[in-house]
Amino acid sequence: MMSCRSCHSVRLEMILDLGRQAWGNDFIPIKDRRISATYPLQLFYCHSCHMTQLGHTVDKETMFVEHAYLSGTTNSLKAHFVDVAENVLRRRPIGDQEYVLDIGGNDGTFLEHFKKNGLKVLNVDSGRLQATKSNEKGVPCLNQFFNEQAADQILKMHGPAAVIHGSGIFFHLEELHGVFKGIKKLLNQDNGLLVAEFIYLPDMIRNLAYDQIYHEHLLYYMIHSFQALLNQFGLEIYDAHLDPIHGGSCVAFITHTGLTKRTERLLELMSQEEQEGFLQIDVYKEFAGKVDRSRERLVELIRSLHAAGKKIYALGAPVKGSTMINYCHLTERDLECAVEINPYKCNTYIPGTKIPVYHQNDVQDPDVYLLLAWNFKDEILPKMAAYRNKGGKILVPIPEPELI
């Protein structure tokens, strides 16, 4: 019987079934004959601790060793990381002999700001490409998964961490409890600061951002459910704020339990979660119904554009796009290709499909681009000004399909 990833309760209920899908970063080279394996993509709600989570786990070694995502590709994400780093330094001045640890720090983008300020940094990332890029930047990276054993190793080599940061990693964790046991050991006991950035579940629900659901994302946090997890390890959120990055994220500031008073801002967020019904299953069932209707509208719009003779490409090939394309059953007949600027995704297929991915500079513009990276719309649309001035259209699929 399935049990909750956080509290181990068996009081789980499925709220959304997105079908069997390939894991979202399984970009297979066009010249390769391999076919993507598929797995159930189903979302569950825990009635005991309110944690929303996937039912099926794809092995971490499958998803997080060889993949093509690089955090330094997007300018708005780099700027966001600088803002977070400066916020950290205001909260927790870091001494010359102390260091900042980034768990799942990808290519080292977040730690660059600390390094430029002359501070010691350490990245831990399981991705081979990502670890190589991080080390090339001069941001030292341990190429392994972080868990309790890794924490023991780091503690022995470097001592306790002044700051531990994780962006988009704490909801990826197959070894969930082992990771937080490691953090508890490694975080400076007197004044250590843990900074957790995660897609904020209430925003995901409000925005109908069902494409944020994919196999890498095993858990979907709000303040209540994240704190219920942290309670098991003597850790406490004392402040948090919402940020528009990734279509709606939360940045939470955490210390050992009892060290810091909770802010009014945090208490207000928690009250809002309760008042808006996120501690009950009804809001999630309503979300599932809206997702199904949104899919119908998007598919209908794409098919009507085709009927009018319009050529449609996908703009970008983010992992979230794999969820949307597969859930909507879109094929190469609907989207002739996707275009990307990340060279490691070019000349591959969108996972689970035969839709090819080409470099954006190698193809002529279509009549319509389906903007899969809709969460970076404000950065991308100005770059497409010349295309739009010539009559090109952008189809934004979330929260409701809109042709711009």
Protein backbone atom coordinates (compact mmCIF):
# COMPACT_ATOMS: atom_id res chain seq x y z
CA MET A 1 0.00 0.00 0.00
CA MET A 2 1.28 3.46 -0.92
CA SER A 3 2.22 5.73 1.99
CA CYS A 4 2.91 9.47 2.23
CA ARG A 5 6.45 10.45 1.30
CA SER A 6 6.52 12.89 4.22
CA CYS A 7 4.55 11.49 7.18
CA HIS A 8 4.11 7.83 6.05
CA SER A 9 0.32 7.98 6.44
CA VAL A 10 -1.74 5.75 4.14
CA ARG A 11 -4.57 8.32 4.01
CA LEU A 12 -3.81 9.26 0.41
CA GLU A 13 -6.29 10.15 -2.34
CA MET A 14 -5.57 10.63 -6.04
CA ILE A 15 -6.61 14.05 -7.35
CA LEU A 16 -5.24 14.19 -10.92
CA ASP A 17 -4.14 11.59 -13.47
CA LEU A 18 -1.99 12.93 -16.33
CA GLY A 19 -1.57 9.47 -17.88
CA ARG A 20 1.59 7.48 -18.55
CA GLN A 21 4.43 9.75 -19.62
CA ALA A 22 8.15 9.71 -20.25
CA TRP A 23 10.16 11.54 -17.62
CA GLY A 24 10.35 15.11 -18.81
CA ASN A 25 14.07 15.49 -19.52
CA ASP A 26 14.46 12.24 -21.47
CA PHE A 27 15.53 14.03 -24.66
CA ILE A 28 16.59 11.22 -27.01
CA PRO A 29 18.89 12.16 -29.93
CA ILE A 30 17.11 12.00 -33.28
CA LYS A 31 19.74 9.54 -34.57
CA ASP A 32 19.07 7.21 -31.61
CA ARG A 33 16.49 4.44 -32.08
CA ARG A 34 15.70 4.22 -28.35
CA ILE A 35 12.09 4.79 -27.27
CA SER A 36 11.33 6.61 -24.02
CA ALA A 37 10.03 4.46 -21.18
CA THR A 38 6.77 5.73 -19.71
CA TYR A 39 5.56 5.83 -16.12
CA PRO A 40 2.32 6.80 -14.32
CA LEU A 41 2.02 10.53 -13.66
CA GLN A 42 -0.59 10.80 -10.91
CA LEU A 43 -0.98 13.43 -8.19
CA PHE A 44 -2.09 12.47 -4.66
CA TYR A 45 -3.15 14.39 -1.56
CA CYS A 46 -2.32 13.27 2.00
CA HIS A 47 -5.24 13.80 4.38
CA SER A 48 -2.88 13.57 7.38
CA CYS A 49 -0.16 16.18 6.63
CA HIS A 50 -1.65 17.90 3.52
CA MET A 51 1.37 16.98 1.37
CA THR A 52 0.62 16.82 -2.35
CA GLN A 53 2.84 14.30 -4.13
CA LEU A 54 3.37 11.88 -7.00
CA GLY A 55 2.50 8.25 -6.56
CA HIS A 56 5.26 6.82 -8.76
CA THR A 57 9.02 7.29 -8.37
CA VAL A 58 11.38 7.19 -11.33
CA ASP A 59 14.84 6.29 -10.02
CA LYS A 60 16.96 9.35 -9.27
CA GLU A 61 19.88 7.79 -11.16
CA THR A 62 17.70 7.74 -14.29
CA MET A 63 16.67 11.41 -14.06
CA PHE A 64 19.48 13.33 -12.38
CA VAL A 65 22.80 12.01 -13.68
CA GLU A 66 22.55 12.62 -17.44
CA HIS A 67 20.24 15.55 -18.24
CA ALA A 68 20.47 18.78 -20.22
CA TYR A 69 19.00 21.48 -17.94
CA LEU A 70 21.42 24.33 -17.12
CA SER A 71 20.29 27.02 -14.68
CA GLY A 72 22.59 29.66 -16.20
CA THR A 73 20.67 29.68 -19.51
CA THR A 74 17.96 32.13 -18.41
CA ASN A 75 18.80 35.75 -17.58
CA SER A 76 15.80 36.26 -15.32
CA LEU A 77 16.77 33.23 -13.22
CA LYS A 78 20.33 34.51 -12.89
CA ALA A 79 19.01 37.90 -11.73
CA HIS A 80 16.68 36.15 -9.29
CA PHE A 81 19.59 34.22 -7.79
CA VAL A 82 21.52 37.45 -7.24
CA ASP A 83 18.52 38.90 -5.37
CA VAL A 84 18.26 35.80 -3.17
CA ALA A 85 22.01 35.81 -2.48
CA GLU A 86 21.92 39.46 -1.40
CA ASN A 87 18.93 38.72 0.83
CA VAL A 88 20.89 35.86 2.43
CA LEU A 89 23.89 38.09 3.10
CA ARG A 90 21.68 40.68 4.79
CA ARG A 91 20.22 38.01 7.07
CA ARG A 92 23.37 36.04 7.78
CA PRO A 93 26.78 37.69 7.35
CA ILE A 94 29.32 35.03 6.38
CA GLY A 95 32.82 34.96 7.85
CA ASP A 96 36.06 34.34 5.95
CA GLN A 97 36.35 30.79 7.29
CA GLU A 98 32.69 29.90 6.70
CA TYR A 99 31.09 28.62 3.50
CA VAL A 100 27.82 28.47 1.57
CA LEU A 101 26.59 25.07 0.38
CA ASP A 102 24.19 24.70 -2.56
CA ILE A 103 22.40 21.35 -2.76
CA GLY A 104 21.56 20.49 -6.36
CA GLY A 105 23.27 23.71 -7.42
CA ASN A 106 23.33 22.72 -11.10
CA ASP A 107 26.01 24.68 -13.00
CA GLY A 108 26.93 26.86 -10.00
CA THR A 109 24.94 29.93 -11.04
CA PHE A 110 23.57 30.67 -7.56
CA LEU A 111 26.98 30.42 -5.86
CA GLU A 112 28.73 32.75 -8.34
CA HIS A 113 27.54 35.85 -6.47
CA PHE A 114 29.06 34.63 -3.20
CA LYS A 115 32.30 33.67 -4.94
CA LYS A 116 32.55 37.16 -6.48
CA ASN A 117 32.29 38.52 -2.94
CA GLY A 118 35.32 36.46 -1.90
CA LEU A 119 33.35 33.87 0.07
CA LYS A 120 33.91 30.14 0.18
CA VAL A 121 31.34 28.04 -1.68
CA LEU A 122 30.58 24.38 -2.32
CA ASN A 123 28.15 22.89 -4.82
CA VAL A 124 26.75 19.34 -4.68
CA ASP A 125 25.07 18.11 -7.86
CA SER A 126 24.51 14.66 -9.31
CA GLY A 127 24.47 15.80 -12.95
CA ARG A 128 27.72 15.10 -14.81
CA LEU A 129 27.33 17.99 -17.26
CA GLN A 130 26.23 20.36 -14.50
CA ALA A 131 29.16 19.46 -12.21
CA THR A 132 31.60 19.97 -15.09
CA LYS A 133 30.15 23.41 -15.91
CA SER A 134 30.25 24.40 -12.22
CA ASN A 135 33.89 23.40 -11.82
CA GLU A 136 34.78 25.23 -15.04
CA LYS A 137 33.37 28.41 -13.46
CA GLY A 138 35.59 27.93 -10.43
CA VAL A 139 32.64 26.89 -8.26
CA PRO A 140 33.81 23.59 -6.71
CA CYS A 141 31.25 20.83 -7.12
CA LEU A 142 30.95 17.38 -5.59
CA ASN A 143 29.41 15.26 -8.35
CA GLN A 144 27.11 13.09 -6.22
CA PHE A 145 23.68 12.93 -4.64
CA PHE A 146 23.28 14.74 -1.34
CA ASN A 147 22.09 12.56 1.54
CA GLU A 148 23.04 11.84 5.15
CA GLN A 149 26.24 10.05 4.13
CA ALA A 150 27.27 12.95 1.88
CA ALA A 151 26.60 15.35 4.78
CA ASP A 152 28.92 13.30 7.03
CA GLN A 153 31.62 13.50 4.35
CA ILE A 154 31.23 17.27 3.87
CA LEU A 155 31.15 17.89 7.63
CA LYS A 156 34.43 16.00 8.03
CA MET A 157 36.10 17.87 5.15
CA HIS A 158 34.70 21.39 5.57
CA GLY A 159 32.97 21.66 8.94
CA PRO A 160 29.41 22.97 9.43
CA ALA A 161 27.80 25.14 6.74
CA ALA A 162 26.86 28.74 7.52
CA VAL A 163 24.19 28.72 4.79
CA ILE A 164 22.61 25.82 2.93
CA HIS A 165 20.58 26.66 -0.18
CA GLY A 166 18.41 24.55 -2.42
CA SER A 167 16.44 25.84 -5.40
CA GLY A 168 14.04 23.46 -7.07
CA ILE A 169 15.65 20.49 -5.34
CA PHE A 170 13.78 19.76 -2.12
CA PHE A 171 10.74 18.56 -4.05
CA HIS A 172 12.90 16.24 -6.20
CA LEU A 173 14.00 14.01 -3.36
CA GLU A 174 13.70 10.26 -3.55
CA GLU A 175 15.76 10.08 -0.32
CA LEU A 176 13.61 12.74 1.34
CA HIS A 177 14.24 11.91 4.99
CA GLY A 178 17.93 11.13 4.45
CA VAL A 179 18.50 14.55 2.88
CA PHE A 180 16.94 16.43 5.80
CA LYS A 181 18.81 14.31 8.34
CA GLY A 182 21.96 15.40 6.50
CA ILE A 183 20.94 19.06 6.54
CA LYS A 184 20.19 18.89 10.26
CA LYS A 185 23.70 17.57 10.92
CA LEU A 186 25.49 19.94 8.57
CA LEU A 187 23.77 23.27 9.29
CA ASN A 188 25.62 25.40 11.85
CA GLN A 189 23.87 24.69 15.15
CA ASP A 190 24.10 28.25 16.48
CA ASN A 191 23.09 30.46 13.59
CA GLY A 192 22.95 28.39 10.39
CA LEU A 193 20.46 29.44 7.72
CA LEU A 194 18.68 27.07 5.35
CA VAL A 195 17.11 28.68 2.27
CA ALA A 196 14.59 26.57 0.36
CA GLU A 197 13.11 27.68 -2.96
CA PHE A 198 10.19 25.69 -4.30
CA ILE A 199 7.25 25.96 -6.66
CA TYR A 200 4.45 27.25 -4.45
CA LEU A 201 1.54 24.84 -4.60
CA PRO A 202 -1.25 27.44 -4.10
CA ASP A 203 0.13 29.48 -7.02
CA MET A 204 0.39 26.35 -9.15
CA ILE A 205 -3.28 25.67 -8.41
CA ARG A 206 -4.38 29.28 -9.02
CA ASN A 207 -2.45 29.48 -12.31
CA LEU A 208 -3.68 26.08 -13.55
CA ALA A 209 -0.01 25.26 -14.01
CA TYR A 210 -0.47 21.52 -14.39
CA ASP A 211 2.70 21.40 -16.51
CA GLN A 212 4.67 21.89 -13.27
CA ILE A 213 3.69 18.29 -12.50
CA TYR A 214 6.35 15.90 -13.79
CA HIS A 215 8.35 12.96 -12.52
CA GLU A 216 11.27 15.06 -11.25
CA HIS A 217 8.80 16.87 -8.96
CA LEU A 218 7.88 14.25 -6.39
CA LEU A 219 6.39 16.72 -3.86
CA TYR A 220 4.41 19.98 -4.11
CA TYR A 221 4.82 22.24 -1.07
CA MET A 222 2.90 24.94 0.68
CA ILE A 223 4.06 26.37 4.01
CA HIS A 224 1.87 24.02 6.08
CA SER A 225 2.98 20.80 4.41
CA PHE A 226 6.65 21.82 4.22
CA GLN A 227 6.68 22.72 7.91
CA ALA A 228 5.04 19.38 8.75
CA LEU A 229 8.01 17.70 7.06
CA LEU A 230 10.58 19.95 8.77
CA ASN A 231 9.04 19.27 12.20
CA GLN A 232 10.42 15.74 11.96
CA PHE A 233 13.99 17.11 11.87
CA GLY A 234 13.92 19.98 14.35
CA LEU A 235 13.86 22.66 11.65
CA GLU A 236 11.50 25.63 11.44
CA ILE A 237 10.48 28.16 8.79
CA TYR A 238 10.68 31.63 10.33
CA ASP A 239 10.09 33.75 7.23
CA ALA A 240 9.01 33.30 3.62
CA HIS A 241 8.01 35.36 0.63
CA LEU A 242 6.49 34.63 -2.75
CA ASP A 243 8.33 35.28 -6.00
CA PRO A 244 7.05 35.19 -9.60
CA ILE A 245 10.01 33.07 -10.80
CA HIS A 246 8.99 29.74 -12.39
CA GLY A 247 5.38 30.89 -12.54
CA GLY A 248 5.05 31.25 -8.77
CA SER A 249 7.63 30.19 -6.19
CA CYS A 250 8.18 30.47 -2.46
CA VAL A 251 11.52 31.36 -0.86
CA ALA A 252 11.56 30.05 2.71
CA PHE A 253 14.12 30.93 5.40
CA ILE A 254 14.70 28.19 7.95
CA THR A 255 16.71 27.70 11.14
CA HIS A 256 16.94 25.09 13.86
CA THR A 257 13.67 25.02 15.80
CA GLY A 258 13.24 27.76 18.40
CA LEU A 259 16.12 30.01 17.32
CA THR A 260 14.15 32.70 15.47
CA LYS A 261 10.68 34.19 15.93
CA ARG A 262 8.25 33.70 13.06
CA THR A 263 7.49 36.83 11.03
CA GLU A 264 4.05 38.32 10.53
CA ARG A 265 4.54 37.81 6.80
CA LEU A 266 4.92 34.07 7.31
CA LEU A 267 1.92 33.83 9.63
CA GLU A 268 -0.17 35.71 7.08
CA LEU A 269 0.83 33.29 4.32
CA MET A 270 -0.15 30.33 6.51
CA SER A 271 -3.48 31.93 7.39
CA GLN A 272 -4.18 32.56 3.71
CA GLU A 273 -3.46 28.90 2.84
CA GLU A 274 -6.01 27.80 5.41
CA GLN A 275 -8.65 30.39 4.47
CA GLU A 276 -8.42 29.52 0.76
CA GLY A 277 -9.02 25.83 1.43
CA PHE A 278 -5.59 24.34 0.73
CA LEU A 279 -5.86 22.15 3.84
CA GLN A 280 -8.88 20.39 2.31
CA ILE A 281 -9.07 18.17 -0.78
CA ASP A 282 -11.95 20.02 -2.50
CA VAL A 283 -9.70 22.76 -3.93
CA TYR A 284 -7.51 20.12 -5.59
CA LYS A 285 -10.45 18.27 -7.12
CA GLU A 286 -11.68 21.56 -8.54
CA PHE A 287 -8.19 22.14 -9.98
CA ALA A 288 -8.31 18.75 -11.72
CA GLY A 289 -11.58 19.65 -13.44
CA LYS A 290 -10.21 22.99 -14.63
CA VAL A 291 -7.06 21.30 -15.97
CA ASP A 292 -9.13 18.96 -18.11
CA ARG A 293 -11.13 21.87 -19.55
CA SER A 294 -7.93 23.89 -20.19
CA ARG A 295 -6.51 20.96 -22.17
CA GLU A 296 -9.64 20.79 -24.32
CA ARG A 297 -9.41 24.52 -25.12
CA LEU A 298 -5.71 24.38 -26.00
CA VAL A 299 -6.09 21.37 -28.30
CA GLU A 300 -9.14 22.93 -29.97
CA LEU A 301 -7.23 26.19 -30.61
CA ILE A 302 -4.18 24.40 -32.04
CA ARG A 303 -6.35 22.26 -34.34
CA SER A 304 -8.32 25.31 -35.52
CA LEU A 305 -5.06 27.13 -36.35
CA HIS A 306 -3.97 24.10 -38.35
CA ALA A 307 -7.28 24.03 -40.16
CA ALA A 308 -6.63 27.66 -41.13
CA GLY A 309 -3.30 26.62 -42.67
CA LYS A 310 -1.06 27.96 -39.90
CA LYS A 311 2.32 26.38 -39.16
CA ILE A 312 2.99 25.93 -35.41
CA TYR A 313 6.28 25.31 -33.60
CA ALA A 314 6.96 25.02 -29.90
CA LEU A 315 9.13 27.82 -28.54
CA GLY A 316 11.54 26.25 -26.06
CA ALA A 317 11.71 22.67 -24.85
CA PRO A 318 11.47 22.92 -21.05
CA VAL A 319 10.69 19.83 -19.03
CA LYS A 320 7.26 21.30 -18.22
CA GLY A 321 6.51 21.30 -21.93
CA SER A 322 6.87 17.53 -22.01
CA THR A 323 4.02 17.21 -19.51
CA MET A 324 1.76 19.54 -21.48
CA ILE A 325 2.46 18.02 -24.89
CA ASN A 326 1.97 14.46 -23.70
CA TYR A 327 -1.12 15.21 -21.61
CA CYS A 328 -2.67 17.00 -24.59
CA HIS A 329 -1.63 14.13 -26.91
CA LEU A 330 0.03 16.58 -29.30
CA THR A 331 2.17 15.01 -32.02
CA GLU A 332 4.45 16.09 -34.85
CA ARG A 333 1.27 16.68 -36.88
CA ASP A 334 0.29 19.42 -34.43
CA LEU A 335 3.75 20.86 -33.71
CA GLU A 336 6.24 20.39 -36.54
CA CYS A 337 9.15 20.98 -34.18
CA ALA A 338 10.37 22.81 -31.10
CA VAL A 339 13.17 25.40 -31.15
CA GLU A 340 15.74 25.86 -28.39
CA ILE A 341 18.87 27.85 -27.54
CA ASN A 342 20.24 25.17 -25.18
CA PRO A 343 22.53 23.17 -27.52
CA TYR A 344 22.28 20.07 -25.34
CA LYS A 345 18.58 19.73 -26.20
CA CYS A 346 18.96 20.34 -29.94
CA ASN A 347 18.63 17.49 -32.45
CA THR A 348 16.58 15.43 -30.00
CA TYR A 349 12.92 14.56 -29.63
CA ILE A 350 10.52 16.03 -27.05
CA PRO A 351 10.30 13.16 -24.51
CA GLY A 352 7.60 10.63 -25.36
CA THR A 353 7.04 12.07 -28.87
CA LYS A 354 8.54 12.32 -32.34
CA ILE A 355 8.49 16.14 -32.23
CA PRO A 356 12.08 17.17 -33.09
CA VAL A 357 13.97 19.91 -31.26
CA TYR A 358 16.21 22.17 -33.40
CA HIS A 359 18.35 25.19 -32.61
CA GLN A 360 16.34 28.39 -32.95
CA ASN A 361 18.90 29.87 -35.37
CA ASP A 362 18.60 26.90 -37.75
CA VAL A 363 14.90 27.19 -38.66
CA GLN A 364 12.63 29.78 -40.23
CA ASP A 365 9.91 31.20 -38.03
CA PRO A 366 6.42 29.63 -38.25
CA ASP A 367 3.11 31.46 -38.18
CA VAL A 368 2.60 30.64 -34.49
CA TYR A 369 4.89 29.72 -31.61
CA LEU A 370 3.47 27.73 -28.69
CA LEU A 371 5.32 29.24 -25.71
CA LEU A 372 6.08 26.25 -23.47
CA ALA A 373 8.26 28.32 -21.13
CA TRP A 374 5.28 30.57 -20.38
CA ASN A 375 6.71 31.35 -16.92
CA PHE A 376 9.48 33.38 -18.62
CA LYS A 377 6.99 35.21 -20.86
CA ASP A 378 8.11 38.67 -19.72
CA GLU A 379 11.69 37.89 -20.71
CA ILE A 380 10.90 36.09 -23.96
CA LEU A 381 8.20 38.28 -25.55
CA PRO A 382 10.43 41.38 -25.97
CA LYS A 383 13.03 39.19 -27.69
CA MET A 384 10.35 38.15 -30.18
CA ALA A 385 9.38 41.74 -31.08
CA ALA A 386 10.69 41.57 -34.67
CA TYR A 387 8.86 38.29 -35.29
CA ARG A 388 5.63 39.67 -33.85
CA ASN A 389 5.95 42.91 -35.85
CA LYS A 390 6.00 40.78 -39.01
CA GLY A 391 2.69 39.21 -38.02
CA GLY A 392 3.94 36.23 -36.02
CA LYS A 393 1.76 35.06 -33.13
CA ILE A 394 2.64 33.67 -29.69
CA LEU A 395 0.29 31.11 -28.14
CA VAL A 396 0.57 31.28 -24.33
CA PRO A 397 -1.03 28.11 -22.89
CA ILE A 398 -1.16 28.89 -19.14
CA PRO A 399 -3.28 29.81 -17.23
CA GLU A 400 -5.72 29.94 -20.16
CA PRO A 401 -4.77 29.58 -23.85
CA GLU A 402 -4.18 33.05 -25.28
CA LEU A 403 -3.00 34.05 -28.75
CA ILE A 404 -0.82 37.17 -28.60
